[in-house]
């Protein structure tokens, strides 16, 4: 369901931007906010695939750092970029320490199968 919703949001956003470029719709869009799409994508990926996956966190930090740059807050990037390394290190450590969930062999069987 998350992918369908994300796909529909992309279609609506793309159509609105296209209509704006063609002059049929006047959005007055500020393109400095586009990194929020990366943040949203990262959150969707965390919900779909699990919080301990490294990829969505990397995408989250990329989106936040790009957003800070577009909002002309380079001071935040200069001060806080090591936090991204600490966070990813904690994430990798937790993945190594927490037990992995083994798939249940009966999980994908159709109902009524013995």
N, C-alpha and C. Protein backbone atom coordinates (compact mmCIF):
# COMPACT_ATOMS: atom_id res chain seq x y z
N UNK A 1 0.82 -1.19 0.00
CA UNK A 1 0.00 0.00 0.00
C UNK A 1 0.87 1.26 0.00
N UNK A 2 2.00 1.21 0.71
CA UNK A 2 2.89 2.36 0.78
C UNK A 2 3.44 2.75 -0.58
N UNK A 3 3.76 1.75 -1.39
CA UNK A 3 4.30 2.04 -2.73
C UNK A 3 3.24 2.65 -3.63
N UNK A 4 2.02 2.18 -3.51
CA UNK A 4 0.93 2.73 -4.32
C UNK A 4 0.71 4.19 -3.95
N UNK A 5 0.66 4.48 -2.67
CA UNK A 5 0.46 5.85 -2.22
C UNK A 5 1.62 6.74 -2.67
N UNK A 6 2.83 6.26 -2.52
CA UNK A 6 4.00 7.03 -2.94
C UNK A 6 3.97 7.28 -4.45
N UNK A 7 3.60 6.27 -5.21
CA UNK A 7 3.49 6.42 -6.66
C UNK A 7 2.45 7.44 -7.06
N UNK A 8 1.30 7.42 -6.39
CA UNK A 8 0.25 8.39 -6.69
C UNK A 8 0.67 9.81 -6.32
N UNK A 9 1.41 9.95 -5.23
CA UNK A 9 1.92 11.27 -4.85
C UNK A 9 2.89 11.78 -5.90
N UNK A 10 3.76 10.91 -6.40
CA UNK A 10 4.70 11.31 -7.45
C UNK A 10 3.97 11.72 -8.73
N UNK A 11 2.93 10.97 -9.10
CA UNK A 11 2.16 11.31 -10.30
C UNK A 11 1.50 12.68 -10.13
N UNK A 12 0.88 12.92 -8.99
CA UNK A 12 0.21 14.20 -8.75
C UNK A 12 1.21 15.35 -8.73
N UNK A 13 2.34 15.16 -8.08
CA UNK A 13 3.35 16.20 -8.01
C UNK A 13 3.92 16.50 -9.39
N UNK A 14 4.25 15.46 -10.14
CA UNK A 14 4.78 15.65 -11.48
C UNK A 14 3.78 16.34 -12.40
N UNK A 15 2.51 15.95 -12.31
CA UNK A 15 1.48 16.57 -13.15
C UNK A 15 1.32 18.04 -12.79
N UNK A 16 1.33 18.36 -11.51
CA UNK A 16 1.20 19.76 -11.08
C UNK A 16 2.38 20.58 -11.56
N UNK A 17 3.58 20.05 -11.45
CA UNK A 17 4.76 20.78 -11.91
C UNK A 17 4.76 20.95 -13.43
N UNK A 18 4.30 19.93 -14.16
CA UNK A 18 4.21 20.03 -15.61
C UNK A 18 3.21 21.10 -16.01
N UNK A 19 2.05 21.12 -15.37
CA UNK A 19 1.04 22.14 -15.68
C UNK A 19 1.55 23.53 -15.34
N UNK A 20 2.35 23.64 -14.29
CA UNK A 20 2.96 24.92 -13.94
C UNK A 20 3.95 25.36 -15.01
N UNK A 21 4.78 24.43 -15.49
CA UNK A 21 5.75 24.75 -16.54
C UNK A 21 5.08 25.13 -17.86
N UNK A 22 3.93 24.54 -18.14
CA UNK A 22 3.21 24.82 -19.38
C UNK A 22 2.35 26.09 -19.28
N UNK A 23 2.24 26.65 -18.10
CA UNK A 23 1.50 27.89 -17.91
C UNK A 23 0.03 27.71 -17.61
N UNK A 24 -0.43 26.49 -17.41
CA UNK A 24 -1.84 26.24 -17.10
C UNK A 24 -2.15 26.35 -15.61
N UNK A 25 -1.13 26.29 -14.80
CA UNK A 25 -1.30 26.33 -13.35
C UNK A 25 -0.18 27.20 -12.80
N UNK A 26 -0.48 28.04 -11.86
CA UNK A 26 0.53 28.94 -11.30
C UNK A 26 0.75 28.59 -9.83
N UNK A 27 1.79 27.79 -9.59
CA UNK A 27 2.03 27.26 -8.25
C UNK A 27 2.94 28.15 -7.41
N UNK A 28 3.81 28.90 -8.04
CA UNK A 28 4.84 29.66 -7.33
C UNK A 28 5.61 28.74 -6.38
N UNK A 29 6.14 27.67 -6.96
CA UNK A 29 6.84 26.64 -6.19
C UNK A 29 8.24 27.13 -5.84
N UNK A 30 8.61 26.91 -4.61
CA UNK A 30 9.99 27.18 -4.20
C UNK A 30 10.74 25.86 -4.29
N UNK A 31 11.70 25.78 -5.21
CA UNK A 31 12.41 24.53 -5.42
C UNK A 31 13.43 24.25 -4.33
N UNK A 32 13.57 25.12 -3.37
CA UNK A 32 14.52 24.87 -2.29
C UNK A 32 14.02 23.78 -1.33
N UNK A 33 12.75 23.43 -1.42
CA UNK A 33 12.18 22.44 -0.51
C UNK A 33 12.18 21.03 -1.08
N UNK A 34 12.73 20.81 -2.27
CA UNK A 34 12.68 19.48 -2.87
C UNK A 34 13.39 18.40 -2.04
N UNK A 35 14.42 18.72 -1.22
CA UNK A 35 15.02 17.65 -0.43
C UNK A 35 14.06 17.00 0.58
N UNK A 36 12.95 17.66 0.87
CA UNK A 36 11.95 17.02 1.73
C UNK A 36 11.39 15.76 1.09
N UNK A 37 11.41 15.68 -0.22
CA UNK A 37 10.98 14.46 -0.91
C UNK A 37 11.91 13.31 -0.56
N UNK A 38 13.21 13.57 -0.44
CA UNK A 38 14.15 12.52 -0.02
C UNK A 38 13.89 12.08 1.41
N UNK A 39 13.57 13.05 2.27
CA UNK A 39 13.26 12.73 3.67
C UNK A 39 12.00 11.86 3.72
N UNK A 40 10.98 12.24 2.96
CA UNK A 40 9.74 11.46 2.93
C UNK A 40 10.00 10.05 2.39
N UNK A 41 10.78 9.96 1.33
CA UNK A 41 11.12 8.65 0.77
C UNK A 41 11.86 7.80 1.80
N UNK A 42 12.76 8.40 2.55
CA UNK A 42 13.49 7.67 3.58
C UNK A 42 12.56 7.13 4.66
N UNK A 43 11.61 7.95 5.07
CA UNK A 43 10.66 7.51 6.11
C UNK A 43 9.79 6.37 5.58
N UNK A 44 9.34 6.48 4.33
CA UNK A 44 8.53 5.41 3.74
C UNK A 44 9.34 4.13 3.68
N UNK A 45 10.60 4.22 3.28
CA UNK A 45 11.46 3.03 3.21
C UNK A 45 11.68 2.41 4.59
N UNK A 46 11.83 3.25 5.61
CA UNK A 46 12.01 2.72 6.97
C UNK A 46 10.78 1.96 7.43
N UNK A 47 9.61 2.48 7.10
CA UNK A 47 8.36 1.82 7.50
C UNK A 47 8.21 0.51 6.74
N UNK A 48 8.51 0.52 5.44
CA UNK A 48 8.34 -0.68 4.62
C UNK A 48 9.36 -1.77 4.93
N UNK A 49 10.61 -1.38 5.06
CA UNK A 49 11.69 -2.38 5.12
C UNK A 49 12.30 -2.57 6.49
N UNK A 50 11.93 -1.74 7.45
CA UNK A 50 12.47 -1.88 8.79
C UNK A 50 13.38 -0.72 9.15
N UNK A 51 13.34 -0.36 10.41
CA UNK A 51 14.07 0.80 10.90
C UNK A 51 15.58 0.60 10.89
N UNK A 52 16.05 -0.62 10.97
CA UNK A 52 17.48 -0.86 11.08
C UNK A 52 18.21 -0.99 9.75
N UNK A 53 17.55 -0.69 8.67
CA UNK A 53 18.22 -0.70 7.35
C UNK A 53 19.05 0.57 7.21
N UNK A 54 20.25 0.47 6.67
CA UNK A 54 21.17 1.60 6.59
C UNK A 54 20.78 2.55 5.45
N UNK A 55 20.32 2.03 4.33
CA UNK A 55 20.01 2.85 3.16
C UNK A 55 19.05 3.99 3.43
N UNK A 56 17.90 3.73 4.07
CA UNK A 56 16.98 4.84 4.34
C UNK A 56 17.57 5.92 5.24
N UNK A 57 18.41 5.53 6.18
CA UNK A 57 19.03 6.52 7.06
C UNK A 57 20.02 7.39 6.28
N UNK A 58 20.76 6.78 5.37
CA UNK A 58 21.66 7.54 4.53
C UNK A 58 20.87 8.55 3.69
N UNK A 59 19.76 8.10 3.12
CA UNK A 59 18.90 8.96 2.33
C UNK A 59 18.31 10.09 3.18
N UNK A 60 17.96 9.77 4.41
CA UNK A 60 17.43 10.77 5.34
C UNK A 60 18.46 11.87 5.60
N UNK A 61 19.68 11.48 5.92
CA UNK A 61 20.73 12.47 6.18
C UNK A 61 21.05 13.28 4.92
N UNK A 62 21.07 12.64 3.78
CA UNK A 62 21.32 13.36 2.53
C UNK A 62 20.25 14.43 2.32
N UNK A 63 18.98 14.05 2.50
CA UNK A 63 17.89 15.00 2.35
C UNK A 63 17.98 16.15 3.34
N UNK A 64 18.31 15.85 4.60
CA UNK A 64 18.41 16.90 5.62
C UNK A 64 19.58 17.84 5.33
N UNK A 65 20.72 17.29 4.91
CA UNK A 65 21.86 18.15 4.62
C UNK A 65 21.61 19.00 3.38
N UNK A 66 20.98 18.43 2.36
CA UNK A 66 20.64 19.21 1.17
C UNK A 66 19.65 20.32 1.52
N UNK A 67 18.67 19.99 2.36
CA UNK A 67 17.70 20.99 2.78
C UNK A 67 18.37 22.13 3.52
N UNK A 68 19.29 21.81 4.42
CA UNK A 68 20.02 22.85 5.14
C UNK A 68 20.82 23.72 4.17
N UNK A 69 21.40 23.11 3.16
CA UNK A 69 22.15 23.88 2.17
C UNK A 69 21.26 24.81 1.36
N UNK A 70 20.10 24.30 0.92
CA UNK A 70 19.19 25.13 0.14
C UNK A 70 18.58 26.26 0.97
N UNK A 71 18.45 26.03 2.26
CA UNK A 71 17.92 27.07 3.15
C UNK A 71 19.03 27.98 3.67
N UNK A 72 20.22 27.83 3.09
CA UNK A 72 21.39 28.64 3.43
C UNK A 72 21.75 28.56 4.91
N UNK A 73 21.71 27.33 5.42
CA UNK A 73 22.10 27.07 6.81
C UNK A 73 23.30 26.13 6.83
N UNK A 74 24.36 26.52 6.12
CA UNK A 74 25.56 25.71 6.06
C UNK A 74 26.19 25.53 7.44
N UNK A 75 25.90 26.46 8.36
CA UNK A 75 26.43 26.34 9.71
C UNK A 75 25.94 25.06 10.38
N UNK A 76 24.71 24.65 10.08
CA UNK A 76 24.19 23.39 10.64
C UNK A 76 24.95 22.20 10.09
N UNK A 77 25.27 22.24 8.80
CA UNK A 77 26.01 21.14 8.19
C UNK A 77 27.42 21.07 8.77
N UNK A 78 28.08 22.22 8.88
CA UNK A 78 29.45 22.26 9.39
C UNK A 78 29.53 21.73 10.82
N UNK A 79 28.52 22.01 11.62
CA UNK A 79 28.54 21.57 13.01
C UNK A 79 28.09 20.14 13.20
N UNK A 80 27.06 19.73 12.47
CA UNK A 80 26.38 18.48 12.78
C UNK A 80 26.70 17.31 11.86
N UNK A 81 27.54 17.46 10.84
CA UNK A 81 27.78 16.33 9.94
C UNK A 81 28.37 15.12 10.65
N UNK A 82 29.21 15.28 11.71
CA UNK A 82 29.71 14.06 12.38
C UNK A 82 28.59 13.23 13.04
N UNK A 83 27.47 13.87 13.34
CA UNK A 83 26.35 13.14 13.95
C UNK A 83 25.83 12.06 13.00
N UNK A 84 25.91 12.31 11.71
CA UNK A 84 25.47 11.30 10.74
C UNK A 84 26.35 10.06 10.83
N UNK A 85 27.65 10.24 11.02
CA UNK A 85 28.56 9.10 11.14
C UNK A 85 28.28 8.35 12.44
N UNK A 86 28.07 9.09 13.53
CA UNK A 86 27.75 8.44 14.81
C UNK A 86 26.46 7.65 14.68
N UNK A 87 25.43 8.25 14.09
CA UNK A 87 24.13 7.59 13.94
C UNK A 87 24.24 6.32 13.11
N UNK A 88 24.94 6.40 11.99
CA UNK A 88 25.09 5.21 11.15
C UNK A 88 25.91 4.14 11.85
N UNK A 89 26.90 4.55 12.67
CA UNK A 89 27.67 3.58 13.45
C UNK A 89 26.80 2.87 14.47
N UNK A 90 25.93 3.61 15.15
CA UNK A 90 25.00 3.00 16.11
C UNK A 90 24.07 2.04 15.39
N UNK A 91 23.61 2.43 14.23
CA UNK A 91 22.71 1.59 13.44
C UNK A 91 23.37 0.28 13.04
N UNK A 92 24.60 0.37 12.55
CA UNK A 92 25.33 -0.84 12.15
C UNK A 92 25.58 -1.73 13.37
N UNK A 93 25.91 -1.14 14.50
CA UNK A 93 26.15 -1.91 15.73
C UNK A 93 24.88 -2.61 16.18
N UNK A 94 23.75 -1.90 16.16
CA UNK A 94 22.48 -2.53 16.55
C UNK A 94 22.12 -3.68 15.62
N UNK A 95 22.35 -3.49 14.34
CA UNK A 95 22.07 -4.59 13.40
C UNK A 95 22.91 -5.82 13.70
N UNK A 96 24.16 -5.61 14.13
CA UNK A 96 25.04 -6.73 14.43
C UNK A 96 24.66 -7.42 15.74
N UNK A 97 24.17 -6.65 16.71
CA UNK A 97 23.88 -7.20 18.03
C UNK A 97 22.50 -7.82 18.15
N UNK A 98 21.52 -7.26 17.48
CA UNK A 98 20.16 -7.77 17.60
C UNK A 98 20.02 -9.05 16.78
N UNK A 99 19.28 -10.01 17.32
CA UNK A 99 19.10 -11.27 16.58
C UNK A 99 18.28 -11.04 15.32
N UNK A 100 18.68 -11.73 14.29
CA UNK A 100 17.94 -11.64 13.04
C UNK A 100 16.71 -12.54 13.13
N UNK A 101 15.62 -12.06 12.59
CA UNK A 101 14.38 -12.82 12.59
C UNK A 101 14.42 -13.81 11.43
N UNK A 102 14.31 -15.08 11.75
CA UNK A 102 14.29 -16.11 10.71
C UNK A 102 12.88 -16.19 10.14
N UNK A 103 12.78 -16.30 8.81
CA UNK A 103 11.44 -16.38 8.21
C UNK A 103 10.74 -17.67 8.61
N UNK A 104 9.48 -17.55 8.88
CA UNK A 104 8.65 -18.69 9.21
C UNK A 104 8.30 -19.42 7.92
N UNK A 105 8.62 -20.73 7.81
CA UNK A 105 8.35 -21.44 6.56
C UNK A 105 6.86 -21.51 6.23
N UNK A 106 6.00 -21.38 7.22
CA UNK A 106 4.56 -21.46 6.98
C UNK A 106 3.96 -20.09 6.67
N UNK A 107 4.76 -19.06 6.71
CA UNK A 107 4.26 -17.70 6.55
C UNK A 107 3.70 -17.43 5.16
N UNK A 108 4.31 -17.97 4.12
CA UNK A 108 3.90 -17.67 2.76
C UNK A 108 2.99 -18.73 2.15
N UNK A 109 2.59 -19.70 2.93
CA UNK A 109 1.71 -20.74 2.41
C UNK A 109 0.27 -20.23 2.32
N UNK A 110 -0.47 -20.67 1.32
CA UNK A 110 -1.88 -20.28 1.23
C UNK A 110 -2.67 -20.85 2.41
N UNK A 111 -3.77 -20.18 2.73
CA UNK A 111 -4.59 -20.65 3.84
C UNK A 111 -5.16 -22.03 3.53
N UNK A 112 -5.26 -22.83 4.57
CA UNK A 112 -5.81 -24.17 4.41
C UNK A 112 -4.76 -25.21 4.06
N UNK A 113 -3.51 -24.80 3.85
CA UNK A 113 -2.44 -25.75 3.55
C UNK A 113 -1.94 -26.35 4.86
N UNK A 114 -1.86 -27.68 4.95
CA UNK A 114 -1.41 -28.30 6.20
C UNK A 114 0.07 -28.11 6.45
